[in-house]
Amino acid sequence: AGERPLVLVGSARLGVAADRPALFVQLQSPRECGSAGCSTGVYAWMSGRYQRVLDGATGRMSVGTARHRGMADILAGEEAYVWNGTAYASSRPAPNVDLRPRRRGAIPPR
């Protein structure tokens, strides 16, 4: 679309010292960034190539001191992402959702 996005790339070791550093990649352009800011993808060296292990994180990113399954946690804004063995997942619990059927027009309980 004629845009020239800015590509920001950083790196950090998430696993053991012998591992290749992970790449933190962010594209900045009006099309790529929304009201929450620009999202960052994280790519780790696995099986002979870089593979995306976290996508859509927003906010200031850093590598945490805690580790899960041998990989350092990733902190993004108010969110912490932990390694589940194949990718990073949010450590924030899912919200409670009421899945019971309701009568038509009924107001859901609080």
N, C-alpha and C. Protein backbone atom coordinates (compact mmCIF):
# COMPACT_ATOMS: atom_id res chain seq x y z
N ALA A 1 0.83 -1.19 0.00
CA ALA A 1 0.00 0.00 0.00
C ALA A 1 0.87 1.24 0.00
N GLY A 2 2.12 1.12 -0.42
CA GLY A 2 3.00 2.27 -0.49
C GLY A 2 3.62 2.65 0.84
N GLU A 3 3.36 1.86 1.88
CA GLU A 3 3.93 2.16 3.19
C GLU A 3 5.36 1.62 3.27
N ARG A 4 6.15 2.26 4.06
CA ARG A 4 7.51 1.79 4.33
C ARG A 4 7.61 1.59 5.83
N PRO A 5 7.19 0.40 6.33
CA PRO A 5 7.19 0.18 7.78
C PRO A 5 8.60 0.18 8.36
N LEU A 6 8.68 0.58 9.59
CA LEU A 6 9.92 0.50 10.34
C LEU A 6 9.97 -0.88 10.98
N VAL A 7 11.07 -1.61 10.80
CA VAL A 7 11.23 -2.94 11.37
C VAL A 7 12.24 -2.84 12.50
N LEU A 8 11.78 -3.17 13.71
CA LEU A 8 12.66 -3.17 14.88
C LEU A 8 12.95 -4.61 15.26
N VAL A 9 14.21 -4.93 15.49
CA VAL A 9 14.61 -6.28 15.86
C VAL A 9 15.55 -6.20 17.06
N GLY A 10 15.23 -7.00 18.07
CA GLY A 10 16.09 -7.13 19.24
C GLY A 10 16.33 -8.61 19.47
N SER A 11 17.29 -8.91 20.32
CA SER A 11 17.54 -10.31 20.61
C SER A 11 17.85 -10.49 22.08
N ALA A 12 17.58 -11.69 22.58
CA ALA A 12 17.87 -12.04 23.98
C ALA A 12 17.91 -13.55 24.09
N ARG A 13 18.74 -14.02 24.98
CA ARG A 13 18.79 -15.46 25.25
C ARG A 13 17.66 -15.80 26.22
N LEU A 14 16.85 -16.76 25.83
CA LEU A 14 15.74 -17.19 26.67
C LEU A 14 16.01 -18.54 27.32
N GLY A 15 16.83 -19.37 26.66
CA GLY A 15 17.15 -20.71 27.17
C GLY A 15 18.53 -20.73 27.78
N VAL A 16 19.25 -21.80 27.55
CA VAL A 16 20.61 -21.95 28.08
C VAL A 16 21.58 -21.12 27.24
N ALA A 17 22.76 -20.88 27.79
CA ALA A 17 23.75 -20.02 27.14
C ALA A 17 24.14 -20.53 25.75
N ALA A 18 24.08 -21.84 25.53
CA ALA A 18 24.47 -22.40 24.23
C ALA A 18 23.40 -22.16 23.15
N ASP A 19 22.18 -21.84 23.55
CA ASP A 19 21.10 -21.60 22.58
C ASP A 19 21.35 -20.31 21.80
N ARG A 20 20.87 -20.28 20.57
CA ARG A 20 20.91 -19.03 19.81
C ARG A 20 19.93 -18.07 20.45
N PRO A 21 20.22 -16.77 20.39
CA PRO A 21 19.28 -15.82 20.98
C PRO A 21 17.96 -15.80 20.21
N ALA A 22 16.89 -15.54 20.94
CA ALA A 22 15.58 -15.36 20.33
C ALA A 22 15.53 -13.97 19.70
N LEU A 23 14.71 -13.82 18.66
CA LEU A 23 14.54 -12.53 17.99
C LEU A 23 13.19 -11.94 18.37
N PHE A 24 13.18 -10.68 18.73
CA PHE A 24 11.96 -9.93 19.04
C PHE A 24 11.76 -8.98 17.87
N VAL A 25 10.66 -9.16 17.12
CA VAL A 25 10.46 -8.41 15.88
C VAL A 25 9.16 -7.61 15.96
N GLN A 26 9.28 -6.32 15.64
CA GLN A 26 8.11 -5.44 15.64
C GLN A 26 8.10 -4.63 14.35
N LEU A 27 6.95 -4.62 13.67
CA LEU A 27 6.74 -3.77 12.50
C LEU A 27 5.96 -2.55 12.95
N GLN A 28 6.45 -1.36 12.60
CA GLN A 28 5.76 -0.14 12.97
C GLN A 28 5.30 0.58 11.72
N SER A 29 3.98 0.71 11.58
CA SER A 29 3.37 1.47 10.50
C SER A 29 1.92 1.70 10.90
N PRO A 30 1.25 2.68 10.29
CA PRO A 30 -0.16 2.90 10.62
C PRO A 30 -1.02 1.66 10.41
N ARG A 31 -0.68 0.84 9.43
CA ARG A 31 -1.47 -0.36 9.15
C ARG A 31 -1.22 -1.46 10.18
N GLU A 32 -0.01 -1.53 10.70
CA GLU A 32 0.37 -2.61 11.62
C GLU A 32 0.05 -2.31 13.07
N CYS A 33 -0.06 -1.05 13.45
CA CYS A 33 -0.24 -0.69 14.85
C CYS A 33 -1.65 -0.17 15.09
N GLY A 34 -2.28 -0.67 16.14
CA GLY A 34 -3.64 -0.26 16.48
C GLY A 34 -3.66 0.59 17.73
N SER A 35 -4.82 0.66 18.36
CA SER A 35 -4.98 1.50 19.54
C SER A 35 -4.16 0.99 20.73
N ALA A 36 -3.81 -0.30 20.75
CA ALA A 36 -3.00 -0.85 21.83
C ALA A 36 -1.51 -0.71 21.55
N GLY A 37 -1.16 -0.12 20.42
CA GLY A 37 0.24 0.02 20.04
C GLY A 37 0.62 -1.04 19.02
N CYS A 38 1.90 -1.16 18.80
CA CYS A 38 2.42 -2.13 17.84
C CYS A 38 2.66 -3.46 18.54
N SER A 39 2.37 -4.54 17.85
CA SER A 39 2.58 -5.86 18.45
C SER A 39 3.96 -6.39 18.07
N THR A 40 4.46 -7.24 18.94
CA THR A 40 5.79 -7.82 18.76
C THR A 40 5.67 -9.33 18.67
N GLY A 41 6.40 -9.93 17.76
CA GLY A 41 6.49 -11.38 17.65
C GLY A 41 7.85 -11.83 18.15
N VAL A 42 7.89 -13.00 18.76
CA VAL A 42 9.15 -13.56 19.26
C VAL A 42 9.41 -14.85 18.51
N TYR A 43 10.65 -15.00 18.02
CA TYR A 43 11.05 -16.15 17.23
C TYR A 43 12.24 -16.82 17.91
N ALA A 44 12.13 -18.12 18.16
CA ALA A 44 13.20 -18.89 18.80
C ALA A 44 13.76 -19.90 17.81
N TRP A 45 15.05 -20.19 17.94
CA TRP A 45 15.72 -21.17 17.08
C TRP A 45 15.33 -22.56 17.55
N MET A 46 14.59 -23.28 16.72
CA MET A 46 14.12 -24.62 17.06
C MET A 46 14.16 -25.48 15.80
N SER A 47 14.66 -26.68 15.92
CA SER A 47 14.69 -27.63 14.80
C SER A 47 15.36 -27.05 13.56
N GLY A 48 16.44 -26.31 13.76
CA GLY A 48 17.21 -25.81 12.64
C GLY A 48 16.69 -24.56 11.97
N ARG A 49 15.72 -23.88 12.57
CA ARG A 49 15.22 -22.62 11.98
C ARG A 49 14.54 -21.79 13.06
N TYR A 50 14.35 -20.51 12.75
CA TYR A 50 13.61 -19.65 13.67
C TYR A 50 12.12 -19.90 13.49
N GLN A 51 11.44 -20.13 14.62
CA GLN A 51 9.99 -20.37 14.60
C GLN A 51 9.32 -19.39 15.56
N ARG A 52 8.15 -18.92 15.17
CA ARG A 52 7.40 -17.98 16.02
C ARG A 52 6.90 -18.71 17.26
N VAL A 53 7.24 -18.18 18.43
CA VAL A 53 6.83 -18.79 19.69
C VAL A 53 5.94 -17.86 20.51
N LEU A 54 5.79 -16.62 20.08
CA LEU A 54 4.89 -15.66 20.72
C LEU A 54 4.51 -14.63 19.68
N ASP A 55 3.23 -14.34 19.58
CA ASP A 55 2.76 -13.38 18.59
C ASP A 55 1.75 -12.46 19.23
N GLY A 56 1.79 -11.21 18.86
CA GLY A 56 0.76 -10.27 19.29
C GLY A 56 0.98 -9.65 20.65
N ALA A 57 2.16 -9.75 21.22
CA ALA A 57 2.43 -9.11 22.51
C ALA A 57 2.58 -7.61 22.31
N THR A 58 2.05 -6.82 23.24
CA THR A 58 2.17 -5.38 23.14
C THR A 58 2.74 -4.83 24.44
N GLY A 59 3.29 -3.64 24.35
CA GLY A 59 3.86 -2.99 25.51
C GLY A 59 5.36 -3.17 25.55
N ARG A 60 5.96 -2.56 26.55
CA ARG A 60 7.41 -2.66 26.74
C ARG A 60 7.75 -4.10 27.09
N MET A 61 8.72 -4.68 26.40
CA MET A 61 9.05 -6.09 26.59
C MET A 61 10.38 -6.24 27.30
N SER A 62 10.46 -7.27 28.15
CA SER A 62 11.71 -7.61 28.83
C SER A 62 11.71 -9.10 29.13
N VAL A 63 12.89 -9.60 29.44
CA VAL A 63 13.04 -11.00 29.81
C VAL A 63 13.01 -11.07 31.33
N GLY A 64 12.11 -11.90 31.85
CA GLY A 64 11.96 -12.03 33.29
C GLY A 64 13.04 -12.90 33.91
N THR A 65 13.08 -12.90 35.23
CA THR A 65 14.06 -13.72 35.94
C THR A 65 13.53 -15.13 36.21
N ALA A 66 12.21 -15.30 36.23
CA ALA A 66 11.62 -16.62 36.45
C ALA A 66 11.75 -17.46 35.18
N ARG A 67 11.79 -18.78 35.36
CA ARG A 67 11.90 -19.70 34.23
C ARG A 67 10.84 -20.78 34.35
N HIS A 68 10.35 -21.23 33.21
CA HIS A 68 9.41 -22.35 33.15
C HIS A 68 9.91 -23.30 32.07
N ARG A 69 10.06 -24.57 32.45
CA ARG A 69 10.53 -25.60 31.52
C ARG A 69 11.81 -25.21 30.82
N GLY A 70 12.71 -24.54 31.55
CA GLY A 70 14.02 -24.20 31.03
C GLY A 70 14.11 -22.90 30.25
N MET A 71 13.00 -22.19 30.07
CA MET A 71 13.02 -20.95 29.30
C MET A 71 12.59 -19.79 30.19
N ALA A 72 13.24 -18.65 30.01
CA ALA A 72 12.91 -17.46 30.78
C ALA A 72 11.52 -16.95 30.39
N ASP A 73 10.82 -16.39 31.37
CA ASP A 73 9.53 -15.76 31.10
C ASP A 73 9.75 -14.48 30.29
N ILE A 74 8.74 -14.10 29.53
CA ILE A 74 8.77 -12.85 28.77
C ILE A 74 7.71 -11.94 29.38
N LEU A 75 8.10 -10.71 29.68
CA LEU A 75 7.18 -9.74 30.25
C LEU A 75 6.86 -8.71 29.17
N ALA A 76 5.56 -8.44 28.97
CA ALA A 76 5.13 -7.46 27.98
C ALA A 76 4.04 -6.61 28.60
N GLY A 77 4.36 -5.35 28.89
CA GLY A 77 3.40 -4.49 29.56
C GLY A 77 3.04 -5.08 30.92
N GLU A 78 1.77 -5.31 31.15
CA GLU A 78 1.29 -5.90 32.41
C GLU A 78 1.18 -7.43 32.32
N GLU A 79 1.56 -7.99 31.21
CA GLU A 79 1.36 -9.42 30.94
C GLU A 79 2.67 -10.20 31.10
N ALA A 80 2.57 -11.41 31.64
CA ALA A 80 3.72 -12.32 31.71
C ALA A 80 3.41 -13.54 30.86
N TYR A 81 4.36 -13.95 30.04
CA TYR A 81 4.21 -15.12 29.18
C TYR A 81 5.21 -16.17 29.64
N VAL A 82 4.73 -17.41 29.77
CA VAL A 82 5.58 -18.51 30.24
C VAL A 82 5.66 -19.59 29.16
N TRP A 83 6.78 -20.28 29.14
CA TRP A 83 7.04 -21.33 28.16
C TRP A 83 6.26 -22.58 28.55
N ASN A 84 5.47 -23.12 27.61
CA ASN A 84 4.68 -24.33 27.90
C ASN A 84 5.29 -25.58 27.27
N GLY A 85 6.48 -25.46 26.72
CA GLY A 85 7.15 -26.59 26.09
C GLY A 85 7.23 -26.46 24.58
N THR A 86 6.32 -25.70 23.98
CA THR A 86 6.35 -25.49 22.53
C THR A 86 6.21 -24.02 22.14
N ALA A 87 5.64 -23.20 23.02
CA ALA A 87 5.43 -21.78 22.73
C ALA A 87 5.22 -21.03 24.05
N TYR A 88 5.16 -19.72 23.96
CA TYR A 88 4.85 -18.90 25.14
C TYR A 88 3.35 -18.68 25.23
N ALA A 89 2.83 -18.78 26.45
CA ALA A 89 1.40 -18.59 26.70
C ALA A 89 1.24 -17.62 27.85
N SER A 90 0.15 -16.89 27.83
CA SER A 90 -0.13 -15.94 28.88
C SER A 90 -0.30 -16.66 30.21
N SER A 91 0.24 -16.06 31.26
CA SER A 91 0.07 -16.64 32.59
C SER A 91 -1.19 -16.12 33.27
N ARG A 92 -1.85 -15.17 32.62
CA ARG A 92 -3.09 -14.61 33.16
C ARG A 92 -4.21 -15.63 33.01
N PRO A 93 -4.95 -15.92 34.08
CA PRO A 93 -6.03 -16.91 33.94
C PRO A 93 -7.14 -16.37 33.05
N ALA A 94 -7.81 -17.28 32.39
CA ALA A 94 -8.94 -16.91 31.53
C ALA A 94 -10.08 -16.38 32.40
N PRO A 95 -10.85 -15.42 31.90
CA PRO A 95 -11.96 -14.90 32.70
C PRO A 95 -13.06 -15.94 32.85
N ASN A 96 -13.80 -15.84 33.95
CA ASN A 96 -14.95 -16.73 34.15
C ASN A 96 -16.05 -16.34 33.18
N VAL A 97 -16.63 -17.33 32.56
CA VAL A 97 -17.71 -17.09 31.60
C VAL A 97 -18.88 -17.96 31.98
N ASP A 98 -20.06 -17.36 32.04
CA ASP A 98 -21.27 -18.09 32.36
C ASP A 98 -21.86 -18.65 31.07
N LEU A 99 -21.82 -19.97 30.90
CA LEU A 99 -22.28 -20.60 29.67
C LEU A 99 -23.68 -21.21 29.80
N ARG A 100 -24.34 -20.95 30.94
CA ARG A 100 -25.69 -21.49 31.11
C ARG A 100 -26.66 -20.80 30.16
N PRO A 101 -27.61 -21.55 29.61
CA PRO A 101 -28.61 -20.93 28.73
C PRO A 101 -29.44 -19.92 29.52
N ARG A 102 -29.82 -18.84 28.87
CA ARG A 102 -30.64 -17.82 29.51
C ARG A 102 -31.96 -17.70 28.78
N ARG A 103 -32.93 -17.24 29.54
CA ARG A 103 -34.22 -16.96 28.90
C ARG A 103 -34.06 -15.72 28.03
N ARG A 104 -34.81 -15.68 26.99
CA ARG A 104 -34.79 -14.54 26.09
C ARG A 104 -35.16 -13.28 26.87
N GLY A 105 -34.31 -12.24 26.76
CA GLY A 105 -34.56 -10.97 27.43
C GLY A 105 -34.11 -10.93 28.87
N ALA A 106 -33.61 -12.03 29.41
CA ALA A 106 -33.16 -12.04 30.80
C ALA A 106 -31.84 -11.30 30.94
N ILE A 107 -31.66 -10.64 32.06
CA ILE A 107 -30.42 -9.93 32.35
C ILE A 107 -29.47 -10.90 33.03
N PRO A 108 -28.23 -11.03 32.53
CA PRO A 108 -27.29 -11.98 33.13
C PRO A 108 -26.91 -11.56 34.55
N PRO A 109 -26.65 -12.54 35.44
CA PRO A 109 -26.26 -12.22 36.81
C PRO A 109 -24.87 -11.61 36.84
N ARG A 110 -24.60 -10.81 37.89
CA ARG A 110 -23.28 -10.17 38.03
C ARG A 110 -22.40 -10.95 38.93
